[in-house]
Amino acid sequence: METKKLRVAIFSRLYSKDNLPIPRQKERLREEVWSRGYEIVAEFWEEDLPPDLPLEERRELKRFMTAVWNNALNIDGVFIIDFENLSLISRKEYLNLMIFFEQNDIMVITREGIYCPDEWMAGLSF
């Protein structure tokens, strides 16, 4: 029985001051996603943005969220390097993103594992 190949979007914040040039950083992330057997449906890259930029000023994140909201991507998950790649500003912004993914049934996939919406939301208390 063949297992379903996960359809994912890559979302990443990249910085030219890192050890690798940005094009090489992108290629390494693509290779990592392919090595896991995932299908890349779309890519969203934020390059050299200030780490404290609010969500509403992050054009690629807004473009990604709009595509998810409109079901334009039909993805199973979003691949990110780590959770800090989503938001460094506040716990509130981070939770807003997690709730958004939960509402749209989008898994968050990091190098450490796959996080399903029903699993992470069960542990939250408001």
PDB file of N, CA and C in Angstrom:
ATOM      1  N   MET A   1       0.838  -1.179   0.000  1.00  0.00           N
ATOM      2  CA  MET A   1       0.000   0.000   0.000  1.00  0.00           C
ATOM      3  C   MET A   1       0.893   1.256   0.000  1.00  0.00           C
ATOM      4  N   GLU A   2       0.645   2.116  -0.948  1.00  0.00           N
ATOM      5  CA  GLU A   2       1.447   3.333  -1.089  1.00  0.00           C
ATOM      6  C   GLU A   2       0.930   4.406  -0.136  1.00  0.00           C
ATOM      7  N   THR A   3       1.863   5.046   0.592  1.00  0.00           N
ATOM      8  CA  THR A   3       1.461   6.123   1.488  1.00  0.00           C
ATOM      9  C   THR A   3       1.380   7.426   0.712  1.00  0.00           C
ATOM     10  N   LYS A   4       0.511   8.292   1.189  1.00  0.00           N
ATOM     11  CA  LYS A   4       0.300   9.576   0.545  1.00  0.00           C
ATOM     12  C   LYS A   4       1.517  10.472   0.772  1.00  0.00           C
ATOM     13  N   LYS A   5       1.987  11.083  -0.276  1.00  0.00           N
ATOM     14  CA  LYS A   5       3.102  12.028  -0.195  1.00  0.00           C
ATOM     15  C   LYS A   5       2.549  13.347   0.345  1.00  0.00           C
ATOM     16  N   LEU A   6       3.173  13.854   1.422  1.00  0.00           N
ATOM     17  CA  LEU A   6       2.706  15.110   2.003  1.00  0.00           C
ATOM     18  C   LEU A   6       3.005  16.274   1.066  1.00  0.00           C
ATOM     19  N   ARG A   7       1.996  17.111   0.881  1.00  0.00           N
ATOM     20  CA  ARG A   7       2.135  18.329   0.082  1.00  0.00           C
ATOM     21  C   ARG A   7       2.440  19.471   1.044  1.00  0.00           C
ATOM     22  N   VAL A   8       3.591  20.116   0.851  1.00  0.00           N
ATOM     23  CA  VAL A   8       3.999  21.153   1.792  1.00  0.00           C
ATOM     24  C   VAL A   8       4.400  22.441   1.076  1.00  0.00           C
ATOM     25  N   ALA A   9       4.289  23.512   1.827  1.00  0.00           N
ATOM     26  CA  ALA A   9       4.865  24.793   1.429  1.00  0.00           C
ATOM     27  C   ALA A   9       6.085  25.006   2.315  1.00  0.00           C
ATOM     28  N   ILE A  10       7.133  25.582   1.752  1.00  0.00           N
ATOM     29  CA  ILE A  10       8.302  25.950   2.549  1.00  0.00           C
ATOM     30  C   ILE A  10       8.138  27.419   2.927  1.00  0.00           C
ATOM     31  N   PHE A  11       8.331  27.697   4.204  1.00  0.00           N
ATOM     32  CA  PHE A  11       8.359  29.088   4.653  1.00  0.00           C
ATOM     33  C   PHE A  11       9.639  29.273   5.464  1.00  0.00           C
ATOM     34  N   SER A  12      10.420  30.281   5.103  1.00  0.00           N
ATOM     35  CA  SER A  12      11.655  30.485   5.847  1.00  0.00           C
ATOM     36  C   SER A  12      12.090  31.942   5.811  1.00  0.00           C
ATOM     37  N   ARG A  13      12.674  32.346   6.928  1.00  0.00           N
ATOM     38  CA  ARG A  13      13.351  33.640   7.026  1.00  0.00           C
ATOM     39  C   ARG A  13      14.828  33.370   6.816  1.00  0.00           C
ATOM     40  N   LEU A  14      15.427  34.060   5.867  1.00  0.00           N
ATOM     41  CA  LEU A  14      16.823  33.842   5.518  1.00  0.00           C
ATOM     42  C   LEU A  14      17.604  35.144   5.671  1.00  0.00           C
ATOM     43  N   TYR A  15      18.866  34.993   6.038  1.00  0.00           N
ATOM     44  CA  TYR A  15      19.709  36.171   6.261  1.00  0.00           C
ATOM     45  C   TYR A  15      21.017  36.013   5.518  1.00  0.00           C
ATOM     46  N   SER A  16      21.409  37.049   4.793  1.00  0.00           N
ATOM     47  CA  SER A  16      22.650  36.992   4.021  1.00  0.00           C
ATOM     48  C   SER A  16      23.881  36.954   4.917  1.00  0.00           C
ATOM     49  N   LYS A  17      23.745  37.354   6.175  1.00  0.00           N
ATOM     50  CA  LYS A  17      24.892  37.317   7.086  1.00  0.00           C
ATOM     51  C   LYS A  17      25.199  35.906   7.581  1.00  0.00           C
ATOM     52  N   ASP A  18      24.316  34.943   7.313  1.00  0.00           N
ATOM     53  CA  ASP A  18      24.578  33.556   7.699  1.00  0.00           C
ATOM     54  C   ASP A  18      25.749  33.013   6.882  1.00  0.00           C
ATOM     55  N   ASN A  19      26.213  31.850   7.251  1.00  0.00           N
ATOM     56  CA  ASN A  19      27.409  31.261   6.631  1.00  0.00           C
ATOM     57  C   ASN A  19      27.245  30.986   5.137  1.00  0.00           C
ATOM     58  N   LEU A  20      26.024  30.716   4.692  1.00  0.00           N
ATOM     59  CA  LEU A  20      25.794  30.382   3.288  1.00  0.00           C
ATOM     60  C   LEU A  20      25.068  31.524   2.577  1.00  0.00           C
ATOM     61  N   PRO A  21      25.344  31.720   1.298  1.00  0.00           N
ATOM     62  CA  PRO A  21      24.559  32.690   0.537  1.00  0.00           C
ATOM     63  C   PRO A  21      23.089  32.261   0.502  1.00  0.00           C
ATOM     64  N   ILE A  22      22.194  33.222   0.389  1.00  0.00           N
ATOM     65  CA  ILE A  22      20.749  32.929   0.430  1.00  0.00           C
ATOM     66  C   ILE A  22      20.333  31.890  -0.614  1.00  0.00           C
ATOM     67  N   PRO A  23      20.780  31.964  -1.869  1.00  0.00           N
ATOM     68  CA  PRO A  23      20.376  30.911  -2.822  1.00  0.00           C
ATOM     69  C   PRO A  23      20.758  29.500  -2.357  1.00  0.00           C
ATOM     70  N   ARG A  24      21.912  29.364  -1.728  1.00  0.00           N
ATOM     71  CA  ARG A  24      22.338  28.051  -1.229  1.00  0.00           C
ATOM     72  C   ARG A  24      21.492  27.621  -0.025  1.00  0.00           C
ATOM     73  N   GLN A  25      21.101  28.578   0.829  1.00  0.00           N
ATOM     74  CA  GLN A  25      20.227  28.255   1.959  1.00  0.00           C
ATOM     75  C   GLN A  25      18.890  27.708   1.447  1.00  0.00           C
ATOM     76  N   LYS A  26      18.358  28.326   0.405  1.00  0.00           N
ATOM     77  CA  LYS A  26      17.091  27.863  -0.182  1.00  0.00           C
ATOM     78  C   LYS A  26      17.242  26.447  -0.727  1.00  0.00           C
ATOM     79  N   GLU A  27      18.326  26.220  -1.462  1.00  0.00           N
ATOM     80  CA  GLU A  27      18.547  24.905  -2.051  1.00  0.00           C
ATOM     81  C   GLU A  27      18.681  23.827  -0.980  1.00  0.00           C
ATOM     82  N   ARG A  28      19.357  24.134   0.110  1.00  0.00           N
ATOM     83  CA  ARG A  28      19.497  23.153   1.203  1.00  0.00           C
ATOM     84  C   ARG A  28      18.140  22.814   1.816  1.00  0.00           C
ATOM     85  N   LEU A  29      17.286  23.811   1.971  1.00  0.00           N
ATOM     86  CA  LEU A  29      15.949  23.533   2.513  1.00  0.00           C
ATOM     87  C   LEU A  29      15.138  22.680   1.548  1.00  0.00           C
ATOM     88  N   ARG A  30      15.207  22.996   0.265  1.00  0.00           N
ATOM     89  CA  ARG A  30      14.503  22.166  -0.727  1.00  0.00           C
ATOM     90  C   ARG A  30      15.002  20.722  -0.660  1.00  0.00           C
ATOM     91  N   GLU A  31      16.308  20.544  -0.607  1.00  0.00           N
ATOM     92  CA  GLU A  31      16.882  19.196  -0.537  1.00  0.00           C
ATOM     93  C   GLU A  31      16.405  18.458   0.703  1.00  0.00           C
ATOM     94  N   GLU A  32      16.319  19.163   1.818  1.00  0.00           N
ATOM     95  CA  GLU A  32      15.851  18.535   3.058  1.00  0.00           C
ATOM     96  C   GLU A  32      14.402  18.080   2.925  1.00  0.00           C
ATOM     97  N   VAL A  33      13.572  18.925   2.327  1.00  0.00           N
ATOM     98  CA  VAL A  33      12.158  18.572   2.131  1.00  0.00           C
ATOM     99  C   VAL A  33      12.042  17.376   1.192  1.00  0.00           C
ATOM    100  N   TRP A  34      12.756  17.400   0.091  1.00  0.00           N
ATOM    101  CA  TRP A  34      12.714  16.283  -0.863  1.00  0.00           C
ATOM    102  C   TRP A  34      13.230  14.996  -0.234  1.00  0.00           C
ATOM    103  N   SER A  35      14.257  15.098   0.611  1.00  0.00           N
ATOM    104  CA  SER A  35      14.823  13.896   1.225  1.00  0.00           C
ATOM    105  C   SER A  35      13.818  13.215   2.152  1.00  0.00           C
ATOM    106  N   ARG A  36      12.857  13.964   2.637  1.00  0.00           N
ATOM    107  CA  ARG A  36      11.805  13.390   3.487  1.00  0.00           C
ATOM    108  C   ARG A  36      10.655  12.821   2.663  1.00  0.00           C
ATOM    109  N   GLY A  37      10.730  13.003   1.352  1.00  0.00           N
ATOM    110  CA  GLY A  37       9.690  12.466   0.475  1.00  0.00           C
ATOM    111  C   GLY A  37       8.478  13.366   0.327  1.00  0.00           C
ATOM    112  N   TYR A  38       8.599  14.633   0.691  1.00  0.00           N
ATOM    113  CA  TYR A  38       7.481  15.564   0.575  1.00  0.00           C
ATOM    114  C   TYR A  38       7.461  16.203  -0.806  1.00  0.00           C
ATOM    115  N   GLU A  39       6.273  16.605  -1.208  1.00  0.00           N
ATOM    116  CA  GLU A  39       6.111  17.359  -2.452  1.00  0.00           C
ATOM    117  C   GLU A  39       6.069  18.850  -2.115  1.00  0.00           C
ATOM    118  N   ILE A  40       6.919  19.640  -2.740  1.00  0.00           N
ATOM    119  CA  ILE A  40       6.922  21.085  -2.517  1.00  0.00           C
ATOM    120  C   ILE A  40       5.902  21.717  -3.451  1.00  0.00           C
ATOM    121  N   VAL A  41       4.903  22.346  -2.852  1.00  0.00           N
ATOM    122  CA  VAL A  41       3.828  22.974  -3.615  1.00  0.00           C
ATOM    123  C   VAL A  41       4.116  24.452  -3.842  1.00  0.00           C
ATOM    124  N   ALA A  42       4.706  25.094  -2.849  1.00  0.00           N
ATOM    125  CA  ALA A  42       4.995  26.533  -2.943  1.00  0.00           C
ATOM    126  C   ALA A  42       6.145  26.864  -2.002  1.00  0.00           C
ATOM    127  N   GLU A  43       6.779  27.999  -2.279  1.00  0.00           N
ATOM    128  CA  GLU A  43       7.883  28.467  -1.442  1.00  0.00           C
ATOM    129  C   GLU A  43       7.649  29.931  -1.086  1.00  0.00           C
ATOM    130  N   PHE A  44       7.913  30.260   0.167  1.00  0.00           N
ATOM    131  CA  PHE A  44       7.755  31.624   0.666  1.00  0.00           C
ATOM    132  C   PHE A  44       9.026  31.985   1.423  1.00  0.00           C
ATOM    133  N   TRP A  45       9.732  32.996   0.937  1.00  0.00           N
ATOM    134  CA  TRP A  45      11.031  33.356   1.491  1.00  0.00           C
ATOM    135  C   TRP A  45      11.007  34.796   1.983  1.00  0.00           C
ATOM    136  N   GLU A  46      11.432  34.978   3.209  1.00  0.00           N
ATOM    137  CA  GLU A  46      11.631  36.321   3.755  1.00  0.00           C
ATOM    138  C   GLU A  46      13.141  36.517   3.885  1.00  0.00           C
ATOM    139  N   GLU A  47      13.671  37.488   3.151  1.00  0.00           N
ATOM    140  CA  GLU A  47      15.118  37.674   3.098  1.00  0.00           C
ATOM    141  C   GLU A  47      15.534  38.961   3.801  1.00  0.00           C
ATOM    142  N   ASP A  48      16.436  38.814   4.755  1.00  0.00           N
ATOM    143  CA  ASP A  48      17.060  39.941   5.456  1.00  0.00           C
ATOM    144  C   ASP A  48      16.060  40.924   6.074  1.00  0.00           C
ATOM    145  N   LEU A  49      14.971  40.412   6.603  1.00  0.00           N
ATOM    146  CA  LEU A  49      14.011  41.272   7.303  1.00  0.00           C
ATOM    147  C   LEU A  49      14.438  41.443   8.758  1.00  0.00           C
ATOM    148  N   PRO A  50      14.128  42.581   9.367  1.00  0.00           N
ATOM    149  CA  PRO A  50      14.434  42.739  10.792  1.00  0.00           C
ATOM    150  C   PRO A  50      13.705  41.661  11.599  1.00  0.00           C
ATOM    151  N   PRO A  51      14.353  41.072  12.584  1.00  0.00           N
ATOM    152  CA  PRO A  51      13.723  39.989  13.351  1.00  0.00           C
ATOM    153  C   PRO A  51      12.507  40.445  14.152  1.00  0.00           C
ATOM    154  N   ASP A  52      12.405  41.729  14.438  1.00  0.00           N
ATOM    155  CA  ASP A  52      11.288  42.213  15.247  1.00  0.00           C
ATOM    156  C   ASP A  52      10.160  42.822  14.409  1.00  0.00           C
ATOM    157  N   LEU A  53      10.113  42.515  13.124  1.00  0.00           N
ATOM    158  CA  LEU A  53       9.075  43.044  12.247  1.00  0.00           C
ATOM    159  C   LEU A  53       7.731  42.395  12.584  1.00  0.00           C
ATOM    160  N   PRO A  54       6.684  43.201  12.837  1.00  0.00           N
ATOM    161  CA  PRO A  54       5.369  42.634  13.170  1.00  0.00           C
ATOM    162  C   PRO A  54       4.777  41.836  11.995  1.00  0.00           C
ATOM    163  N   LEU A  55       3.899  40.916  12.326  1.00  0.00           N
ATOM    164  CA  LEU A  55       3.284  40.056  11.311  1.00  0.00           C
ATOM    165  C   LEU A  55       2.666  40.858  10.176  1.00  0.00           C
ATOM    166  N   GLU A  56       1.971  41.918  10.513  1.00  0.00           N
ATOM    167  CA  GLU A  56       1.254  42.680   9.483  1.00  0.00           C
ATOM    168  C   GLU A  56       2.189  43.382   8.498  1.00  0.00           C
ATOM    169  N   GLU A  57       3.478  43.442   8.799  1.00  0.00           N
ATOM    170  CA  GLU A  57       4.442  44.071   7.899  1.00  0.00           C
ATOM    171  C   GLU A  57       5.295  43.051   7.144  1.00  0.00           C
ATOM    172  N   ARG A  58       4.985  41.793   7.292  1.00  0.00           N
ATOM    173  CA  ARG A  58       5.756  40.730   6.641  1.00  0.00           C
ATOM    174  C   ARG A  58       4.998  40.255   5.400  1.00  0.00           C
ATOM    175  N   ARG A  59       5.380  40.808   4.245  1.00  0.00           N
ATOM    176  CA  ARG A  59       4.646  40.595   2.996  1.00  0.00           C
ATOM    177  C   ARG A  59       4.561  39.119   2.602  1.00  0.00           C
ATOM    178  N   GLU A  60       5.657  38.375   2.693  1.00  0.00           N
ATOM    179  CA  GLU A  60       5.628  36.960   2.300  1.00  0.00           C
ATOM    180  C   GLU A  60       4.772  36.128   3.245  1.00  0.00           C
ATOM    181  N   LEU A  61       4.814  36.434   4.528  1.00  0.00           N
ATOM    182  CA  LEU A  61       3.967  35.712   5.474  1.00  0.00           C
ATOM    183  C   LEU A  61       2.497  35.995   5.176  1.00  0.00           C
ATOM    184  N   LYS A  62       2.177  37.230   4.874  1.00  0.00           N
ATOM    185  CA  LYS A  62       0.791  37.574   4.527  1.00  0.00           C
ATOM    186  C   LYS A  62       0.366  36.883   3.237  1.00  0.00           C
ATOM    187  N   ARG A  63       1.278  36.818   2.268  1.00  0.00           N
ATOM    188  CA  ARG A  63       0.967  36.128   1.008  1.00  0.00           C
ATOM    189  C   ARG A  63       0.719  34.638   1.259  1.00  0.00           C
ATOM    190  N   PHE A  64       1.543  34.034   2.118  1.00  0.00           N
ATOM    191  CA  PHE A  64       1.365  32.635   2.479  1.00  0.00           C
ATOM    192  C   PHE A  64       0.025  32.415   3.182  1.00  0.00           C
ATOM    193  N   MET A  65      -0.276  33.251   4.169  1.00  0.00           N
ATOM    194  CA  MET A  65      -1.514  33.092   4.924  1.00  0.00           C
ATOM    195  C   MET A  65      -2.742  33.287   4.025  1.00  0.00           C
ATOM    196  N   THR A  66      -2.665  34.221   3.111  1.00  0.00           N
ATOM    197  CA  THR A  66      -3.777  34.439   2.178  1.00  0.00           C
ATOM    198  C   THR A  66      -3.988  33.216   1.294  1.00  0.00           C
ATOM    199  N   ALA A  67      -2.900  32.639   0.801  1.00  0.00           N
ATOM    200  CA  ALA A  67      -3.010  31.438  -0.031  1.00  0.00           C
ATOM    201  C   ALA A  67      -3.607  30.274   0.752  1.00  0.00           C
ATOM    202  N   VAL A  68      -3.204  30.123   2.018  1.00  0.00           N
ATOM    203  CA  VAL A  68      -3.777  29.067   2.860  1.00  0.00           C
ATOM    204  C   VAL A  68      -5.258  29.338   3.099  1.00  0.00           C
ATOM    205  N   TRP A  69      -5.575  30.568   3.458  1.00  0.00           N
ATOM    206  CA  TRP A  69      -6.961  30.947   3.772  1.00  0.00           C
ATOM    207  C   TRP A  69      -7.884  30.682   2.585  1.00  0.00           C
ATOM    208  N   ASN A  70      -7.404  30.975   1.391  1.00  0.00           N
ATOM    209  CA  ASN A  70      -8.206  30.776   0.177  1.00  0.00           C
ATOM    210  C   ASN A  70      -8.108  29.351  -0.366  1.00  0.00           C
ATOM    211  N   ASN A  71      -7.383  28.491   0.346  1.00  0.00           N
ATOM    212  CA  ASN A  71      -7.149  27.106  -0.064  1.00  0.00           C
ATOM    213  C   ASN A  71      -6.547  27.023  -1.466  1.00  0.00           C
ATOM    214  N   ALA A  72      -5.749  28.022  -1.806  1.00  0.00           N
ATOM    215  CA  ALA A  72      -5.122  28.060  -3.123  1.00  0.00           C
ATOM    216  C   ALA A  72      -3.994  27.038  -3.250  1.00  0.00           C
ATOM    217  N   LEU A  73      -3.442  26.605  -2.131  1.00  0.00           N
ATOM    218  CA  LEU A  73      -2.299  25.695  -2.162  1.00  0.00           C
ATOM    219  C   LEU A  73      -2.684  24.234  -1.991  1.00  0.00           C
ATOM    220  N   ASN A  74      -3.758  23.980  -1.282  1.00  0.00           N
ATOM    221  CA  ASN A  74      -4.177  22.613  -0.983  1.00  0.00           C
ATOM    222  C   ASN A  74      -3.017  21.807  -0.383  1.00  0.00           C
ATOM    223  N   ILE A  75      -2.446  22.339   0.713  1.00  0.00           N
ATOM    224  CA  ILE A  75      -1.285  21.704   1.334  1.00  0.00           C
ATOM    225  C   ILE A  75      -1.673  20.955   2.605  1.00  0.00           C
ATOM    226  N   ASP A  76      -0.804  20.013   2.972  1.00  0.00           N
ATOM    227  CA  ASP A  76      -0.965  19.289   4.231  1.00  0.00           C
ATOM    228  C   ASP A  76      -0.224  19.986   5.355  1.00  0.00           C
ATOM    229  N   GLY A  77       0.870  20.667   5.009  1.00  0.00           N
ATOM    230  CA  GLY A  77       1.671  21.283   6.055  1.00  0.00           C
ATOM    231  C   GLY A  77       2.587  22.363   5.525  1.00  0.00           C
ATOM    232  N   VAL A  78       3.213  23.032   6.479  1.00  0.00           N
ATOM    233  CA  VAL A  78       4.225  24.035   6.163  1.00  0.00           C
ATOM    234  C   VAL A  78       5.535  23.572   6.779  1.00  0.00           C
ATOM    235  N   PHE A  79       6.602  23.591   5.981  1.00  0.00           N
ATOM    236  CA  PHE A  79       7.918  23.203   6.468  1.00  0.00           C
ATOM    237  C   PHE A  79       8.667  24.458   6.869  1.00  0.00           C
ATOM    238  N   ILE A  80       9.101  24.499   8.124  1.00  0.00           N
ATOM    239  CA  ILE A  80       9.896  25.615   8.635  1.00  0.00           C
ATOM    240  C   ILE A  80      11.134  25.040   9.307  1.00  0.00           C
ATOM    241  N   ILE A  81      12.174  25.862   9.420  1.00  0.00           N
ATOM    242  CA  ILE A  81      13.396  25.388  10.075  1.00  0.00           C
ATOM    243  C   ILE A  81      13.106  25.078  11.531  1.00  0.00           C
ATOM    244  N   ASP A  82      12.499  26.026  12.213  1.00  0.00           N
ATOM    245  CA  ASP A  82      12.084  25.839  13.602  1.00  0.00           C
ATOM    246  C   ASP A  82      10.971  26.839  13.896  1.00  0.00           C
ATOM    247  N   PHE A  83      10.362  26.706  15.052  1.00  0.00           N
ATOM    248  CA  PHE A  83       9.218  27.559  15.383  1.00  0.00           C
ATOM    249  C   PHE A  83       9.588  29.039  15.447  1.00  0.00           C
ATOM    250  N   GLU A  84      10.818  29.353  15.816  1.00  0.00           N
ATOM    251  CA  GLU A  84      11.240  30.754  15.860  1.00  0.00           C
ATOM    252  C   GLU A  84      11.219  31.394  14.487  1.00  0.00           C
ATOM    253  N   ASN A  85      11.237  30.578  13.446  1.00  0.00           N
ATOM    254  CA  ASN A  85      11.195  31.098  12.089  1.00  0.00           C
ATOM    255  C   ASN A  85       9.858  31.773  11.788  1.00  0.00           C
ATOM    256  N   LEU A  86       8.833  31.442  12.570  1.00  0.00           N
ATOM    257  CA  LEU A  86       7.520  32.054  12.362  1.00  0.00           C
ATOM    258  C   LEU A  86       7.425  33.433  12.998  1.00  0.00           C
ATOM    259  N   SER A  87       7.762  33.517  14.282  1.00  0.00           N
ATOM    260  CA  SER A  87       7.629  34.797  14.977  1.00  0.00           C
ATOM    261  C   SER A  87       8.587  34.867  16.147  1.00  0.00           C
ATOM    262  N   LEU A  88       9.323  35.958  16.198  1.00  0.00           N
ATOM    263  CA  LEU A  88      10.246  36.194  17.304  1.00  0.00           C
ATOM    264  C   LEU A  88       9.726  37.285  18.235  1.00  0.00           C
ATOM    265  N   ILE A  89       8.637  37.924  17.858  1.00  0.00           N
ATOM    266  CA  ILE A  89       8.205  39.125  18.570  1.00  0.00           C
ATOM    267  C   ILE A  89       7.505  38.817  19.885  1.00  0.00           C
ATOM    268  N   SER A  90       6.463  37.997  19.813  1.00  0.00           N
ATOM    269  CA  SER A  90       5.684  37.776  21.029  1.00  0.00           C
ATOM    270  C   SER A  90       4.995  36.421  21.006  1.00  0.00           C
ATOM    271  N   ARG A  91       4.669  35.975  22.180  1.00  0.00           N
ATOM    272  CA  ARG A  91       3.900  34.729  22.311  1.00  0.00           C
ATOM    273  C   ARG A  91       2.530  34.873  21.650  1.00  0.00           C
ATOM    274  N   LYS A  92       1.960  36.089  21.719  1.00  0.00           N
ATOM    275  CA  LYS A  92       0.644  36.324  21.116  1.00  0.00           C
ATOM    276  C   LYS A  92       0.695  36.104  19.598  1.00  0.00           C
ATOM    277  N   GLU A  93       1.705  36.645  18.930  1.00  0.00           N
ATOM    278  CA  GLU A  93       1.820  36.447  17.482  1.00  0.00           C
ATOM    279  C   GLU A  93       2.010  34.970  17.159  1.00  0.00           C
ATOM    280  N   TYR A  94       2.843  34.322  17.930  1.00  0.00           N
ATOM    281  CA  TYR A  94       3.088  32.896  17.729  1.00  0.00           C
ATOM    282  C   TYR A  94       1.777  32.107  17.882  1.00  0.00           C
ATOM    283  N   LEU A  95       1.022  32.394  18.934  1.00  0.00           N
ATOM    284  CA  LEU A  95      -0.252  31.690  19.150  1.00  0.00           C
ATOM    285  C   LEU A  95      -1.254  31.997  18.050  1.00  0.00           C
ATOM    286  N   ASN A  96      -1.269  33.242  17.580  1.00  0.00           N
ATOM    287  CA  ASN A  96      -2.166  33.581  16.476  1.00  0.00           C
ATOM    288  C   ASN A  96      -1.857  32.734  15.247  1.00  0.00           C
ATOM    289  N   LEU A  97      -0.581  32.545  14.957  1.00  0.00           N
ATOM    290  CA  LEU A  97      -0.202  31.704  13.819  1.00  0.00           C
ATOM    291  C   LEU A  97      -0.594  30.248  14.047  1.00  0.00           C
ATOM    292  N   MET A  98      -0.375  29.746  15.247  1.00  0.00           N
ATOM    293  CA  MET A  98      -0.736  28.355  15.541  1.00  0.00           C
ATOM    294  C   MET A  98      -2.249  28.144  15.412  1.00  0.00           C
ATOM    295  N   ILE A  99      -3.021  29.103  15.886  1.00  0.00           N
ATOM    296  CA  ILE A  99      -4.475  29.013  15.766  1.00  0.00           C
ATOM    297  C   ILE A  99      -4.884  29.061  14.298  1.00  0.00           C
ATOM    298  N   PHE A 100      -4.227  29.923  13.532  1.00  0.00           N
ATOM    299  CA  PHE A 100      -4.496  30.000  12.094  1.00  0.00           C
ATOM    300  C   PHE A 100      -4.247  28.651  11.421  1.00  0.00           C
ATOM    301  N   PHE A 101      -3.112  28.025  11.737  1.00  0.00           N
ATOM    302  CA  PHE A 101      -2.812  26.712  11.154  1.00  0.00           C
ATOM    303  C   PHE A 101      -3.828  25.667  11.604  1.00  0.00           C
ATOM    304  N   GLU A 102      -4.221  25.718  12.861  1.00  0.00           N
ATOM    305  CA  GLU A 102      -5.210  24.767  13.375  1.00  0.00           C
ATOM    306  C   GLU A 102      -6.542  24.944  12.652  1.00  0.00           C
ATOM    307  N   GLN A 103      -6.965  26.172  12.484  1.00  0.00           N
ATOM    308  CA  GLN A 103      -8.244  26.437  11.809  1.00  0.00           C
ATOM    309  C   GLN A 103      -8.238  25.967  10.361  1.00  0.00           C
ATOM    310  N   ASN A 104      -7.073  25.926   9.768  1.00  0.00           N
ATOM    311  CA  ASN A 104      -6.959  25.530   8.367  1.00  0.00           C
ATOM    312  C   ASN A 104      -6.394  24.120   8.185  1.00  0.00           C
ATOM    313  N   ASP A 105      -6.286  23.376   9.313  1.00  0.00           N
ATOM    314  CA  ASP A 105      -5.831  21.986   9.316  1.00  0.00           C
ATOM    315  C   ASP A 105      -4.475  21.828   8.615  1.00  0.00           C
ATOM    316  N   ILE A 106      -3.532  22.687   8.995  1.00  0.00           N
ATOM    317  CA  ILE A 106      -2.194  22.686   8.423  1.00  0.00           C
ATOM    318  C   ILE A 106      -1.204  22.194   9.482  1.00  0.00           C
ATOM    319  N   MET A 107      -0.449  21.145   9.147  1.00  0.00           N
ATOM    320  CA  MET A 107       0.597  20.662  10.041  1.00  0.00           C
ATOM    321  C   MET A 107       1.796  21.602   9.962  1.00  0.00           C
ATOM    322  N   VAL A 108       2.512  21.722  11.063  1.00  0.00           N
ATOM    323  CA  VAL A 108       3.776  22.448  11.070  1.00  0.00           C
ATOM    324  C   VAL A 108       4.880  21.396  11.133  1.00  0.00           C
ATOM    325  N   ILE A 109       5.750  21.427  10.139  1.00  0.00           N
ATOM    326  CA  ILE A 109       6.809  20.428  10.026  1.00  0.00           C
ATOM    327  C   ILE A 109       8.144  21.140  10.216  1.00  0.00           C
ATOM    328  N   THR A 110       8.911  20.673  11.197  1.00  0.00           N
ATOM    329  CA  THR A 110      10.237  21.233  11.451  1.00  0.00           C
ATOM    330  C   THR A 110      11.266  20.121  11.285  1.00  0.00           C
ATOM    331  N   ARG A 111      12.505  20.464  11.492  1.00  0.00           N
ATOM    332  CA  ARG A 111      13.558  19.452  11.431  1.00  0.00           C
ATOM    333  C   ARG A 111      13.386  18.413  12.525  1.00  0.00           C
ATOM    334  N   GLU A 112      12.727  18.791  13.609  1.00  0.00           N
ATOM    335  CA  GLU A 112      12.562  17.884  14.746  1.00  0.00           C
ATOM    336  C   GLU A 112      11.340  16.977  14.645  1.00  0.00           C
ATOM    337  N   GLY A 113      10.332  17.373  13.886  1.00  0.00           N
ATOM    338  CA  GLY A 113       9.151  16.533  13.822  1.00  0.00           C
ATOM    339  C   GLY A 113       7.985  17.184  13.114  1.00  0.00           C
ATOM    340  N   ILE A 114       6.876  16.461  13.114  1.00  0.00           N
ATOM    341  CA  ILE A 114       5.627  16.925  12.517  1.00  0.00           C
ATOM    342  C   ILE A 114       4.651  17.202  13.645  1.00  0.00           C
ATOM    343  N   TYR A 115       4.074  18.392  13.628  1.00  0.00           N
ATOM    344  CA  TYR A 115       3.146  18.806  14.673  1.00  0.00           C
ATOM    345  C   TYR A 115       1.773  19.017  14.055  1.00  0.00           C
ATOM    346  N   CYS A 116       0.843  18.156  14.442  1.00  0.00           N
ATOM    347  CA  CYS A 116      -0.519  18.222  13.922  1.00  0.00           C
ATOM    348  C   CYS A 116      -1.349  19.180  14.767  1.00  0.00           C
ATOM    349  N   PRO A 117      -2.246  19.938  14.141  1.00  0.00           N
ATOM    350  CA  PRO A 117      -3.024  20.934  14.871  1.00  0.00           C
ATOM    351  C   PRO A 117      -3.781  20.385  16.083  1.00  0.00           C
ATOM    352  N   ASP A 118      -4.406  19.243  15.945  1.00  0.00           N
ATOM    353  CA  ASP A 118      -5.183  18.712  17.062  1.00  0.00           C
ATOM    354  C   ASP A 118      -4.297  18.314  18.237  1.00  0.00           C
ATOM    355  N   GLU A 119      -3.022  18.036  17.986  1.00  0.00           N
ATOM    356  CA  GLU A 119      -2.102  17.684  19.070  1.00  0.00           C
ATOM    357  C   GLU A 119      -1.634  18.903  19.837  1.00  0.00           C
ATOM    358  N   TRP A 120      -1.222  19.973  19.133  1.00  0.00           N
ATOM    359  CA  TRP A 120      -0.683  21.117  19.865  1.00  0.00           C
ATOM    360  C   TRP A 120      -1.779  21.941  20.516  1.00  0.00           C
ATOM    361  N   MET A 121      -2.978  21.970  19.931  1.00  0.00           N
ATOM    362  CA  MET A 121      -4.050  22.769  20.507  1.00  0.00           C
ATOM    363  C   MET A 121      -4.610  22.121  21.765  1.00  0.00           C
ATOM    364  N   ALA A 122      -4.498  20.802  21.889  1.00  0.00           N
ATOM    365  CA  ALA A 122      -5.023  20.106  23.071  1.00  0.00           C
ATOM    366  C   ALA A 122      -4.298  20.530  24.330  1.00  0.00           C
ATOM    367  N   GLY A 123      -3.026  20.909  24.213  1.00  0.00           N
ATOM    368  CA  GLY A 123      -2.228  21.266  25.380  1.00  0.00           C
ATOM    369  C   GLY A 123      -2.370  22.707  25.821  1.00  0.00           C
ATOM    370  N   LEU A 124      -3.039  23.530  25.013  1.00  0.00           N
ATOM    371  CA  LEU A 124      -3.174  24.946  25.386  1.00  0.00           C
ATOM    372  C   LEU A 124      -4.308  25.160  26.375  1.00  0.00           C
ATOM    373  N   SER A 125      -4.085  26.025  27.314  1.00  0.00           N
ATOM    374  CA  SER A 125      -5.166  26.409  28.215  1.00  0.00           C
ATOM    375  C   SER A 125      -5.299  27.923  28.182  1.00  0.00           C
ATOM    376  N   PHE A 126      -6.515  28.381  28.076  1.00  0.00           N
ATOM    377  CA  PHE A 126      -6.755  29.822  27.970  1.00  0.00           C
ATOM    378  C   PHE A 126      -7.417  30.342  29.211  1.00  0.00           C
TER     379      PHE A 126
END
